[in-house]
Amino acid sequence: MQKNLSKAGARAFAGGLRGTLMVQGTTSDAGKSTLVAGLCRVLARAGVRVVPFKPQNMALNSAVTADGGEIGRAQALQAQAAGLAPHTDMNPVLLKPSSDTGAQIIIHGQARLDLDARAYHAYKPVAMQAVLASHRRLADAYEVVLVEGAGSPAEINLRDRDIANMGFAEAVDCPVVLVADIDRGGVFAHLVGTLDCLSESERARVKGFIINRFRGDIALLQPGLDWLEARTGKPVLGVLPYLHGLHLDAEDAIVGAQAAKQGELLRVIVPVLPRISNHTDFDALRAHPQVDLRFIGPGMPIPPADLIVLPGSKSVRADLAFLRVHGWEPALRRHLRYGGKVIGICGGMQMLGRQVADPAGNEGPAGSSEGFGLLDFDTLLAPHKQLRVVSGRLALGVAEAPAAVQGYEIHMGVTTGPALARPALWLEGERPDGAQSDDGQVLATYVHGLFDQPGACGALLRWAGLARAEGVDLAALREASLERLADTLAAHLDLAALLAPLQALPAEPLPHGNC
């Protein structure tokens, strides 16, 4: 396989590409985010100035950007793939659901208002102006803008005032490729049915199909591919294999299954809250060969564990009530009686205190909720969201060098109380963060990404009871996954055909097929 173009070919490639290309999917989780990330890496390592873009994202997994805003986690990963620092223009509209019918509306990285679904539909023309402004800035600054759609363009009820899929593509007049997940089944029906739901002009801008997550003999699929091309008049631009073991940030869905692990394992459990946020905090633990990580959903028994981690939450008081209904309060106290450890991150930290007060109704109905009372502090939910990229060190008080931490804060809470005199972390400028219990069993922090640095990961696992714990270098795993993904796209996509709408063909052929 030709992993990199020659320097001369790369210069020709970079000089020949210009414009916007959009990846839409037949369903959610069809592979749009991953495909855009992989294409960003393919183009970046060929010398193209490429930038990712998602007009509208609905996700509780978010990242803090270099310009002090908040975007979807997937766009931060795509930025890394392109060799860029995350910026709010990469995801100008982010919706963070606070209930089944309402969401916090984040425009250009800042929380603007909370709307229910009907009110947001009326607000979409305003949001579209933010989308188009961001796209214009990116198109002026970069050679190629790779756009990720949201959900499916065939959702008829969302077509009016659409800003996420074909509404955006029509507004900026960009070509579209359509990706479908064959592992779900019904891939040909998904593709043909999606096309049939589009208008004539929208169908015309679909330049081809990509079939994702294929496993099996490609020869057995070929008759279906031939039928699809004959039926639609559009080419299949590639069939991508199912890639196991990628360590890439999920946009929103929690990835449950882990590879089988051997030897001494630390048992870690995490409750799946209705509004769980930033569950990518646990990616390093999922990847760790010495950790058995389990997400415990509603109705599942709460198993014995060495460490319980309460995750972030978009609706802290509602999720606190959920935990009580499902038996987590007595489970936490029993766990601590038997010597287990507990960590609370962000909203999980707030739950560990005495009280969570929301007198202005910033996250739901106004009121106050009693916390679990495991740490002596109180939290007031304030209207201003705190967004920071942070670095510092753990303050565990163990007999080893302090471990470095890098992460970010995204929270609306202001926490005060005596427990903060014993912080969990020291951040830049010796700013204390979080708290530890006097008995050393409970730790709480506002910092997301607590386990991402190898030293901090190892230190926390040793604190939790894994005597010979090592850290996992999540950044290195992520980078290796992006390289593997890019190699796979180069091998299995017809990149020349895929990128044809953006280029006068370069002097040296693009890598595709079994090159």
Protein backbone atom coordinates (compact mmCIF):
# COMPACT_ATOMS: atom_id res chain seq x y z
CA MET A 1 0.00 0.00 0.00
CA GLN A 2 1.23 3.51 -0.77
CA LYS A 3 0.96 5.15 2.63
CA ASN A 4 2.30 8.57 1.59
CA LEU A 5 2.55 10.33 -1.74
CA SER A 6 5.96 11.50 -2.88
CA LYS A 7 6.78 15.14 -2.10
CA ALA A 8 6.19 16.14 -5.72
CA GLY A 9 2.93 14.21 -5.83
CA ALA A 10 1.84 15.65 -2.49
CA ARG A 11 2.44 19.20 -3.75
CA ALA A 12 0.39 18.46 -6.87
CA PHE A 13 -2.29 16.83 -4.74
CA ALA A 14 -2.46 19.79 -2.35
CA GLY A 15 -2.54 22.28 -5.17
CA GLY A 16 -5.33 20.48 -6.98
CA LEU A 17 -7.90 20.23 -4.21
CA ARG A 18 -10.31 22.96 -3.24
CA GLY A 19 -13.84 23.04 -1.84
CA THR A 20 -16.30 21.38 0.51
CA LEU A 21 -17.28 17.70 0.61
CA MET A 22 -20.01 16.38 2.90
CA VAL A 23 -20.36 12.89 4.39
CA GLN A 24 -23.94 11.95 5.25
CA GLY A 25 -25.20 8.66 6.65
CA THR A 26 -28.26 6.51 6.17
CA THR A 27 -28.55 6.19 9.97
CA SER A 28 -26.97 7.43 13.15
CA ASP A 29 -23.70 5.61 13.90
CA ALA A 30 -23.25 4.63 10.25
CA GLY A 31 -19.62 5.73 10.47
CA LYS A 32 -19.75 9.41 9.48
CA SER A 33 -17.53 10.66 12.31
CA THR A 34 -14.93 7.96 11.77
CA LEU A 35 -14.91 8.39 8.00
CA VAL A 36 -14.38 12.15 8.26
CA ALA A 37 -11.58 11.63 10.80
CA GLY A 38 -9.88 9.10 8.53
CA LEU A 39 -10.19 11.30 5.45
CA CYS A 40 -8.79 14.25 7.40
CA ARG A 41 -5.71 12.17 8.19
CA VAL A 42 -5.38 10.88 4.61
CA LEU A 43 -5.46 14.42 3.22
CA ALA A 44 -3.33 15.98 5.96
CA ARG A 45 -0.49 13.56 5.48
CA ALA A 46 -0.62 14.23 1.74
CA GLY A 47 -0.04 17.91 2.42
CA VAL A 48 -3.60 19.19 1.99
CA ARG A 49 -4.79 21.93 4.34
CA VAL A 50 -7.98 20.22 5.47
CA VAL A 51 -10.41 21.09 8.26
CA PRO A 52 -13.37 19.16 9.74
CA PHE A 53 -16.80 20.72 10.11
CA LYS A 54 -20.13 19.62 11.57
CA PRO A 55 -22.91 22.19 11.24
CA GLN A 56 -25.07 20.83 14.04
CA ASN A 57 -24.20 18.18 16.58
CA MET A 58 -26.38 16.69 19.30
CA ALA A 59 -24.14 15.08 21.91
CA LEU A 60 -23.26 15.11 25.58
CA ASN A 61 -19.64 14.25 24.77
CA SER A 62 -17.92 17.57 24.28
CA ALA A 63 -14.46 19.12 24.27
CA VAL A 64 -13.05 22.51 25.19
CA THR A 65 -11.41 24.38 22.33
CA ALA A 66 -8.33 26.55 22.01
CA ASP A 67 -10.58 29.63 21.73
CA GLY A 68 -12.37 28.84 25.00
CA GLY A 69 -15.55 27.27 23.67
CA GLU A 70 -17.27 23.91 23.57
CA ILE A 71 -17.71 21.57 20.59
CA GLY A 72 -18.62 17.95 19.98
CA ARG A 73 -15.96 15.44 20.98
CA ALA A 74 -15.92 13.90 17.52
CA GLN A 75 -14.90 17.21 15.95
CA ALA A 76 -12.00 17.50 18.39
CA LEU A 77 -10.84 14.06 17.26
CA GLN A 78 -11.22 15.06 13.60
CA ALA A 79 -9.17 18.18 14.30
CA GLN A 80 -6.40 16.00 15.71
CA ALA A 81 -6.58 13.86 12.57
CA ALA A 82 -6.11 17.01 10.48
CA GLY A 83 -3.22 18.21 12.66
CA LEU A 84 -5.21 21.15 14.05
CA ALA A 85 -6.19 22.50 17.43
CA PRO A 86 -9.98 22.24 17.99
CA HIS A 87 -11.86 25.47 17.24
CA THR A 88 -15.49 26.46 17.76
CA ASP A 89 -15.98 27.06 14.03
CA MET A 90 -15.60 23.29 13.52
CA ASN A 91 -18.96 22.72 15.25
CA PRO A 92 -20.89 26.01 15.41
CA VAL A 93 -24.12 24.51 16.78
CA LEU A 94 -24.00 21.96 19.60
CA LEU A 95 -27.17 20.68 21.26
CA LYS A 96 -26.75 19.14 24.72
CA PRO A 97 -29.97 17.32 25.66
CA SER A 98 -31.23 18.03 29.17
CA SER A 99 -34.42 15.96 28.75
CA ASP A 100 -36.20 13.93 26.07
CA THR A 101 -37.66 17.13 24.60
CA GLY A 102 -35.26 19.93 25.59
CA ALA A 103 -31.61 20.88 25.14
CA GLN A 104 -29.04 23.53 25.93
CA ILE A 105 -28.20 25.39 22.71
CA ILE A 106 -24.50 26.17 22.27
CA ILE A 107 -23.61 28.59 19.47
CA HIS A 108 -19.99 29.19 18.54
CA GLY A 109 -18.88 27.40 21.69
CA GLN A 110 -21.00 29.30 24.22
CA ALA A 111 -24.28 28.29 25.89
CA ARG A 112 -26.93 30.71 24.60
CA LEU A 113 -30.30 29.39 25.74
CA ASP A 114 -32.36 26.31 26.62
CA LEU A 115 -35.16 25.34 24.24
CA ASP A 116 -37.60 22.53 23.77
CA ALA A 117 -37.74 20.77 20.40
CA ARG A 118 -40.51 22.95 18.97
CA ALA A 119 -38.86 26.20 20.03
CA TYR A 120 -35.52 25.07 18.59
CA HIS A 121 -37.19 24.30 15.27
CA ALA A 122 -38.32 27.94 15.14
CA TYR A 123 -34.79 29.04 16.13
CA LYS A 124 -33.07 27.11 13.31
CA PRO A 125 -32.87 30.05 10.84
CA VAL A 126 -30.83 31.92 13.47
CA ALA A 127 -28.63 28.86 14.03
CA MET A 128 -28.17 28.52 10.27
CA GLN A 129 -26.58 31.97 10.12
CA ALA A 130 -23.99 30.83 12.67
CA VAL A 131 -23.39 27.68 10.62
CA LEU A 132 -22.86 29.58 7.37
CA ALA A 133 -20.59 32.16 9.03
CA SER A 134 -18.35 29.41 10.42
CA HIS A 135 -18.25 27.61 7.10
CA ARG A 136 -17.25 30.77 5.28
CA ARG A 137 -14.38 31.36 7.67
CA LEU A 138 -13.12 27.80 7.33
CA ALA A 139 -13.50 27.77 3.54
CA ASP A 140 -11.43 30.96 3.36
CA ALA A 141 -8.68 29.58 5.61
CA TYR A 142 -8.37 25.98 4.34
CA GLU A 143 -8.24 24.19 1.01
CA VAL A 144 -10.74 21.44 1.85
CA VAL A 145 -13.62 21.44 4.32
CA LEU A 146 -14.79 17.92 5.20
CA VAL A 147 -18.33 18.10 6.56
CA GLU A 148 -20.07 15.52 8.73
CA GLY A 149 -23.84 15.31 8.60
CA ALA A 150 -26.06 14.33 11.52
CA GLY A 151 -28.37 11.34 11.74
CA SER A 152 -29.90 10.78 8.31
CA PRO A 153 -31.03 13.14 5.54
CA ALA A 154 -34.08 10.89 5.07
CA GLU A 155 -35.75 12.03 8.29
CA ILE A 156 -38.74 13.63 6.59
CA ASN A 157 -40.05 15.33 9.75
CA LEU A 158 -36.77 17.28 10.07
CA ARG A 159 -36.45 18.40 6.45
CA ASP A 160 -38.05 21.80 6.97
CA ARG A 161 -35.38 24.32 8.05
CA ASP A 162 -32.73 21.58 8.06
CA ILE A 163 -29.24 22.84 8.90
CA ALA A 164 -27.52 19.50 9.55
CA ASN A 165 -27.75 17.57 6.28
CA MET A 166 -29.15 18.45 2.87
CA GLY A 167 -30.32 21.86 4.04
CA PHE A 168 -26.69 22.79 4.61
CA ALA A 169 -25.46 21.03 1.44
CA GLU A 170 -27.98 22.93 -0.67
CA ALA A 171 -27.12 26.23 1.02
CA VAL A 172 -23.40 25.96 0.22
CA ASP A 173 -23.84 23.87 -2.95
CA CYS A 174 -21.48 21.06 -1.97
CA PRO A 175 -21.28 17.42 -3.15
CA VAL A 176 -22.31 14.61 -0.79
CA VAL A 177 -21.24 11.00 -0.27
CA LEU A 178 -23.56 8.63 1.53
CA VAL A 179 -22.24 6.03 4.01
CA ALA A 180 -24.18 3.02 5.30
CA ASP A 181 -23.37 0.35 7.90
CA ILE A 182 -23.68 -3.15 6.41
CA ASP A 183 -23.19 -4.76 9.83
CA ARG A 184 -26.66 -3.54 10.80
CA GLY A 185 -28.24 -5.43 7.89
CA GLY A 186 -30.43 -4.01 5.14
CA VAL A 187 -27.66 -1.87 3.66
CA PHE A 188 -29.10 -1.77 0.13
CA ALA A 189 -32.54 -0.81 1.44
CA HIS A 190 -30.96 1.92 3.55
CA LEU A 191 -29.13 3.41 0.60
CA VAL A 192 -31.92 3.15 -1.98
CA GLY A 193 -34.57 4.21 0.54
CA THR A 194 -32.56 7.24 1.60
CA LEU A 195 -32.18 8.37 -2.00
CA ASP A 196 -35.89 7.92 -2.60
CA CYS A 197 -36.65 10.25 0.32
CA LEU A 198 -34.57 13.07 -1.17
CA SER A 199 -35.65 15.76 -3.60
CA GLU A 200 -34.36 15.68 -7.17
CA SER A 201 -31.71 18.34 -6.53
CA GLU A 202 -30.57 16.56 -3.36
CA ARG A 203 -30.26 13.21 -5.14
CA ALA A 204 -28.17 14.90 -7.81
CA ARG A 205 -25.59 16.10 -5.31
CA VAL A 206 -25.03 12.54 -3.95
CA LYS A 207 -21.90 11.47 -5.84
CA GLY A 208 -21.63 7.93 -4.56
CA PHE A 209 -21.84 5.44 -1.72
CA ILE A 210 -19.47 4.04 0.88
CA ILE A 211 -20.36 0.77 2.61
CA ASN A 212 -18.95 0.50 6.12
CA ARG A 213 -18.14 -2.33 8.55
CA PHE A 214 -18.07 -5.22 6.08
CA ARG A 215 -16.80 -8.61 7.16
CA GLY A 216 -16.74 -11.55 4.82
CA ASP A 217 -15.88 -12.40 1.24
CA ILE A 218 -16.15 -9.31 -0.96
CA ALA A 219 -16.89 -11.53 -3.97
CA LEU A 220 -20.19 -12.52 -2.37
CA LEU A 221 -21.11 -8.84 -2.01
CA GLN A 222 -20.29 -7.90 -5.61
CA PRO A 223 -23.69 -8.82 -7.14
CA GLY A 224 -25.34 -6.48 -4.65
CA LEU A 225 -22.92 -3.69 -5.50
CA ASP A 226 -23.60 -4.17 -9.21
CA TRP A 227 -27.35 -4.05 -8.59
CA LEU A 228 -27.03 -0.90 -6.44
CA GLU A 229 -25.04 0.95 -9.09
CA ALA A 230 -27.45 -0.11 -11.84
CA ARG A 231 -30.50 0.77 -9.72
CA THR A 232 -29.28 4.23 -8.68
CA GLY A 233 -26.82 5.23 -11.39
CA LYS A 234 -24.31 6.13 -8.67
CA PRO A 235 -20.97 4.44 -7.94
CA VAL A 236 -19.91 2.52 -4.88
CA LEU A 237 -16.75 4.40 -3.89
CA GLY A 238 -15.53 1.71 -1.53
CA VAL A 239 -16.35 -1.06 0.92
CA LEU A 240 -14.61 -0.59 4.27
CA PRO A 241 -13.81 -3.58 6.49
CA TYR A 242 -14.94 -3.84 10.08
CA LEU A 243 -12.03 -2.44 12.09
CA HIS A 244 -11.79 -3.90 15.57
CA GLY A 245 -9.82 -2.30 18.37
CA LEU A 246 -9.85 1.32 17.26
CA HIS A 247 -9.30 3.74 20.14
CA LEU A 248 -11.22 6.76 18.89
CA ASP A 249 -13.50 9.11 20.81
CA ALA A 250 -17.16 8.16 20.45
CA GLU A 251 -19.53 10.95 19.50
CA ASP A 252 -22.20 9.93 22.00
CA ALA A 253 -22.94 6.18 22.15
CA ILE A 254 -21.33 4.26 25.01
CA VAL A 255 -19.15 1.42 23.74
CA GLY A 256 -19.82 -1.54 26.01
CA ALA A 257 -17.86 -4.61 24.93
CA GLN A 258 -14.18 -5.00 25.77
CA ALA A 259 -11.60 -7.48 24.57
CA ALA A 260 -11.04 -10.40 26.94
CA LYS A 261 -8.38 -9.60 29.54
CA GLN A 262 -6.21 -11.93 31.61
CA GLY A 263 -4.39 -11.74 34.92
CA GLU A 264 -5.01 -9.55 37.94
CA LEU A 265 -7.78 -7.08 37.05
CA LEU A 266 -9.12 -4.06 38.89
CA ARG A 267 -12.91 -4.12 38.80
CA VAL A 268 -14.33 -0.68 37.92
CA ILE A 269 -18.03 0.10 37.50
CA VAL A 270 -19.71 3.23 36.18
CA PRO A 271 -23.47 3.92 36.37
CA VAL A 272 -25.03 4.85 33.03
CA LEU A 273 -26.93 8.01 33.90
CA PRO A 274 -29.84 9.17 31.71
CA ARG A 275 -27.83 12.35 30.92
CA ILE A 276 -24.31 10.97 31.28
CA SER A 277 -21.78 13.35 29.77
CA ASN A 278 -18.20 12.94 28.58
CA HIS A 279 -18.06 9.18 29.04
CA THR A 280 -14.86 9.39 26.98
CA ASP A 281 -13.34 9.97 30.45
CA PHE A 282 -13.27 6.17 30.66
CA ASP A 283 -11.63 5.38 27.32
CA ALA A 284 -8.23 4.87 28.96
CA LEU A 285 -9.77 2.39 31.42
CA ARG A 286 -11.52 0.50 28.62
CA ALA A 287 -8.19 0.15 26.86
CA HIS A 288 -6.21 -0.78 29.99
CA PRO A 289 -5.17 -4.45 30.04
CA GLN A 290 -5.44 -4.58 33.85
CA VAL A 291 -8.91 -3.07 34.19
CA ASP A 292 -12.30 -4.75 33.94
CA LEU A 293 -14.56 -1.76 33.23
CA ARG A 294 -18.31 -2.20 33.24
CA PHE A 295 -21.05 0.34 32.53
CA ILE A 296 -24.07 -0.51 34.68
CA GLY A 297 -27.38 0.45 33.10
CA PRO A 298 -30.88 0.74 34.58
CA GLY A 299 -32.19 -2.53 35.99
CA MET A 300 -28.79 -4.22 35.98
CA PRO A 301 -27.50 -5.59 39.30
CA ILE A 302 -24.71 -3.55 40.88
CA PRO A 303 -21.78 -5.97 41.10
CA PRO A 304 -18.93 -5.92 43.62
CA ALA A 305 -16.09 -3.66 42.52
CA ASP A 306 -12.79 -2.17 43.59
CA LEU A 307 -13.64 1.28 42.24
CA ILE A 308 -16.94 3.05 41.52
CA VAL A 309 -16.75 6.16 39.34
CA LEU A 310 -19.68 8.57 39.20
CA PRO A 311 -19.47 10.25 35.77
CA GLY A 312 -20.37 13.69 34.52
CA SER A 313 -24.01 14.65 34.04
CA LYS A 314 -25.91 17.25 32.06
CA SER A 315 -28.76 17.16 34.63
CA VAL A 316 -27.14 16.55 37.99
CA ARG A 317 -30.20 16.69 40.25
CA ALA A 318 -32.30 14.49 37.96
CA ASP A 319 -29.48 11.96 37.58
CA LEU A 320 -28.89 12.00 41.35
CA ALA A 321 -32.55 11.09 41.83
CA PHE A 322 -32.13 8.34 39.21
CA LEU A 323 -29.21 6.84 41.16
CA ARG A 324 -31.26 6.79 44.35
CA VAL A 325 -34.21 5.09 42.65
CA HIS A 326 -31.90 2.39 41.27
CA GLY A 327 -30.21 1.59 44.58
CA TRP A 328 -26.85 3.27 44.13
CA GLU A 329 -26.86 5.10 47.49
CA PRO A 330 -26.83 1.95 49.67
CA ALA A 331 -24.49 0.31 47.16
CA LEU A 332 -21.99 3.18 47.54
CA ARG A 333 -22.09 2.99 51.33
CA ARG A 334 -21.72 -0.80 51.33
CA HIS A 335 -18.85 -0.49 48.84
CA LEU A 336 -17.03 1.96 51.14
CA ARG A 337 -17.62 -0.19 54.22
CA TYR A 338 -15.79 -3.03 52.46
CA GLY A 339 -12.84 -0.77 51.65
CA GLY A 340 -13.68 0.16 48.06
CA LYS A 341 -12.74 3.47 46.46
CA VAL A 342 -15.03 6.08 44.85
CA ILE A 343 -14.26 8.82 42.32
CA GLY A 344 -16.69 11.52 41.24
CA ILE A 345 -16.00 13.51 38.07
CA CYS A 346 -17.73 16.86 37.45
CA GLY A 347 -21.44 16.16 38.02
CA GLY A 348 -20.40 13.00 39.84
CA MET A 349 -18.28 15.15 42.13
CA GLN A 350 -21.25 17.38 42.91
CA MET A 351 -23.36 14.33 43.83
CA LEU A 352 -20.82 13.28 46.46
CA GLY A 353 -21.34 16.48 48.48
CA ARG A 354 -24.04 17.49 50.95
CA GLN A 355 -26.29 19.43 48.60
CA VAL A 356 -26.78 20.42 44.96
CA ALA A 357 -28.82 23.63 44.68
CA ASP A 358 -30.29 25.04 41.48
CA PRO A 359 -32.46 27.99 42.61
CA ALA A 360 -32.60 29.51 39.11
CA GLY A 361 -33.50 26.27 37.34
CA ASN A 362 -30.36 26.21 35.17
CA GLU A 363 -30.52 22.44 34.61
CA GLY A 364 -34.22 21.76 35.15
CA PRO A 365 -36.89 22.65 37.68
CA ALA A 366 -35.63 25.07 40.33
CA GLY A 367 -34.88 23.52 43.70
CA SER A 368 -32.31 21.70 45.77
CA SER A 369 -31.32 18.06 46.22
CA GLU A 370 -29.54 16.32 49.05
CA GLY A 371 -26.27 14.78 47.88
CA PHE A 372 -24.75 11.51 49.08
CA GLY A 373 -22.91 13.40 51.83
CA LEU A 374 -19.61 11.57 51.36
CA LEU A 375 -17.65 14.85 51.12
CA ASP A 376 -18.23 18.01 53.14
CA PHE A 377 -19.13 20.58 50.46
CA ASP A 378 -22.14 22.10 48.70
CA THR A 379 -22.67 23.01 45.06
CA LEU A 380 -24.63 25.92 43.60
CA LEU A 381 -25.52 25.58 39.92
CA ALA A 382 -24.84 28.96 38.32
CA PRO A 383 -25.88 30.24 34.86
CA HIS A 384 -22.31 30.81 33.65
CA LYS A 385 -20.60 27.70 32.31
CA GLN A 386 -16.92 27.34 33.16
CA LEU A 387 -14.85 26.13 30.20
CA ARG A 388 -11.11 25.59 30.67
CA VAL A 389 -8.31 23.47 29.28
CA VAL A 390 -6.22 22.61 32.33
CA SER A 391 -3.06 20.84 33.38
CA GLY A 392 -1.56 20.07 36.76
CA ARG A 393 -0.77 17.13 39.02
CA LEU A 394 -2.51 14.67 41.29
CA ALA A 395 -2.46 15.36 45.03
CA LEU A 396 -2.98 11.81 46.24
CA GLY A 397 -0.41 11.97 49.03
CA VAL A 398 1.06 8.58 48.01
CA ALA A 399 4.75 7.78 48.22
CA GLU A 400 5.60 8.52 44.59
CA ALA A 401 6.32 11.50 42.38
CA PRO A 402 3.20 13.59 41.65
CA ALA A 403 1.58 12.42 38.41
CA ALA A 404 0.82 14.95 35.68
CA VAL A 405 -2.80 15.53 34.63
CA GLN A 406 -4.10 17.21 31.48
CA GLY A 407 -7.79 17.69 30.82
CA TYR A 408 -10.61 20.19 30.69
CA GLU A 409 -13.44 21.61 32.78
CA ILE A 410 -17.04 21.96 31.57
CA HIS A 411 -19.41 22.74 34.44
CA MET A 412 -21.98 25.19 35.72
CA GLY A 413 -21.43 24.41 39.39
CA VAL A 414 -19.61 26.44 42.05
CA THR A 415 -18.58 24.19 44.92
CA THR A 416 -17.65 25.41 48.42
CA GLY A 417 -16.97 23.69 51.73
CA PRO A 418 -14.36 22.36 54.17
CA ALA A 419 -13.57 19.22 52.11
CA LEU A 420 -11.95 21.41 49.43
CA ALA A 421 -9.09 22.11 51.86
CA ARG A 422 -7.78 18.67 50.90
CA PRO A 423 -7.80 18.91 47.06
CA ALA A 424 -7.59 16.04 44.62
CA LEU A 425 -5.51 17.97 42.09
CA TRP A 426 -3.26 21.00 41.91
CA LEU A 427 -3.75 22.87 38.65
CA GLU A 428 -1.78 25.69 37.00
CA GLY A 429 -0.70 28.37 39.42
CA GLU A 430 -1.22 25.98 42.34
CA ARG A 431 -4.99 26.26 42.01
CA PRO A 432 -6.67 23.50 44.07
CA ASP A 433 -9.34 21.35 42.44
CA GLY A 434 -11.73 18.86 43.95
CA ALA A 435 -11.47 17.06 47.25
CA GLN A 436 -10.39 13.88 49.03
CA SER A 437 -12.01 12.30 52.05
CA ASP A 438 -10.03 12.10 55.28
CA ASP A 439 -9.96 8.28 55.10
CA GLY A 440 -8.56 8.39 51.54
CA GLN A 441 -11.41 6.37 50.04
CA VAL A 442 -13.26 9.11 48.13
CA LEU A 443 -11.84 11.46 45.50
CA ALA A 444 -13.71 14.13 43.53
CA THR A 445 -12.65 16.46 40.73
CA TYR A 446 -14.09 18.81 38.12
CA VAL A 447 -11.43 17.74 35.59
CA HIS A 448 -12.44 15.56 32.64
CA GLY A 449 -9.67 13.43 31.17
CA LEU A 450 -8.50 12.35 34.63
CA PHE A 451 -7.17 8.98 33.38
CA ASP A 452 -5.82 10.11 30.01
CA GLN A 453 -2.19 10.68 31.02
CA PRO A 454 -0.25 7.45 31.62
CA GLY A 455 1.27 8.59 34.93
CA ALA A 456 -2.04 9.76 36.37
CA CYS A 457 -3.82 6.63 35.17
CA GLY A 458 -1.26 4.36 36.84
CA ALA A 459 -1.26 6.37 40.07
CA LEU A 460 -5.05 6.34 40.34
CA LEU A 461 -5.25 2.61 39.69
CA ARG A 462 -2.64 1.96 42.37
CA TRP A 463 -4.62 4.20 44.74
CA ALA A 464 -7.70 2.11 43.89
CA GLY A 465 -5.92 -1.13 44.80
CA LEU A 466 -4.05 -2.43 41.75
CA ALA A 467 -0.58 -2.85 43.21
CA ARG A 468 1.41 -3.20 39.98
CA ALA A 469 -0.68 -0.87 37.84
CA GLU A 470 0.80 0.75 34.77
CA GLY A 471 -0.63 3.64 32.80
CA VAL A 472 -2.06 3.54 29.31
CA ASP A 473 -0.95 6.17 26.81
CA LEU A 474 -4.36 7.01 25.38
CA ALA A 475 -2.95 9.73 23.10
CA ALA A 476 -0.58 7.24 21.50
CA LEU A 477 -3.38 4.69 21.07
CA ARG A 478 -5.59 7.32 19.47
CA GLU A 479 -2.82 8.43 17.12
CA ALA A 480 -2.06 4.84 16.09
CA SER A 481 -5.78 4.28 15.45
CA LEU A 482 -5.97 7.36 13.20
CA GLU A 483 -2.99 6.10 11.19
CA ARG A 484 -4.51 2.63 10.88
CA LEU A 485 -7.83 4.14 9.85
CA ALA A 486 -6.19 6.32 7.20
CA ASP A 487 -4.27 3.35 5.81
CA THR A 488 -7.52 1.39 5.58
CA LEU A 489 -9.32 4.19 3.72
CA ALA A 490 -6.40 4.54 1.30
CA ALA A 491 -6.54 0.81 0.60
CA HIS A 492 -10.30 0.40 0.22
CA LEU A 493 -11.64 3.68 -1.18
CA ASP A 494 -11.36 5.00 -4.70
CA LEU A 495 -10.01 8.32 -3.46
CA ALA A 496 -9.63 9.74 -6.96
CA ALA A 497 -13.35 9.26 -7.60
CA LEU A 498 -14.32 10.34 -4.08
CA LEU A 499 -12.39 13.60 -4.31
CA ALA A 500 -13.06 14.26 -7.99
CA PRO A 501 -15.65 16.99 -7.24
CA LEU A 502 -12.90 18.93 -5.42
CA GLN A 503 -10.04 18.68 -7.84
CA ALA A 504 -8.43 18.93 -11.15
CA LEU A 505 -6.80 15.49 -11.03
CA PRO A 506 -3.24 15.65 -9.62
CA ALA A 507 -0.18 14.80 -11.61
CA GLU A 508 0.44 11.69 -9.50
CA PRO A 509 -2.44 9.24 -8.92
CA LEU A 510 -4.09 9.23 -5.51
CA PRO A 511 -3.71 6.05 -3.45
CA HIS A 512 -6.71 3.77 -3.86
CA GLY A 513 -7.60 0.15 -4.21
CA ASN A 514 -4.72 -2.19 -3.43
CA CYS A 515 -2.07 0.41 -4.15
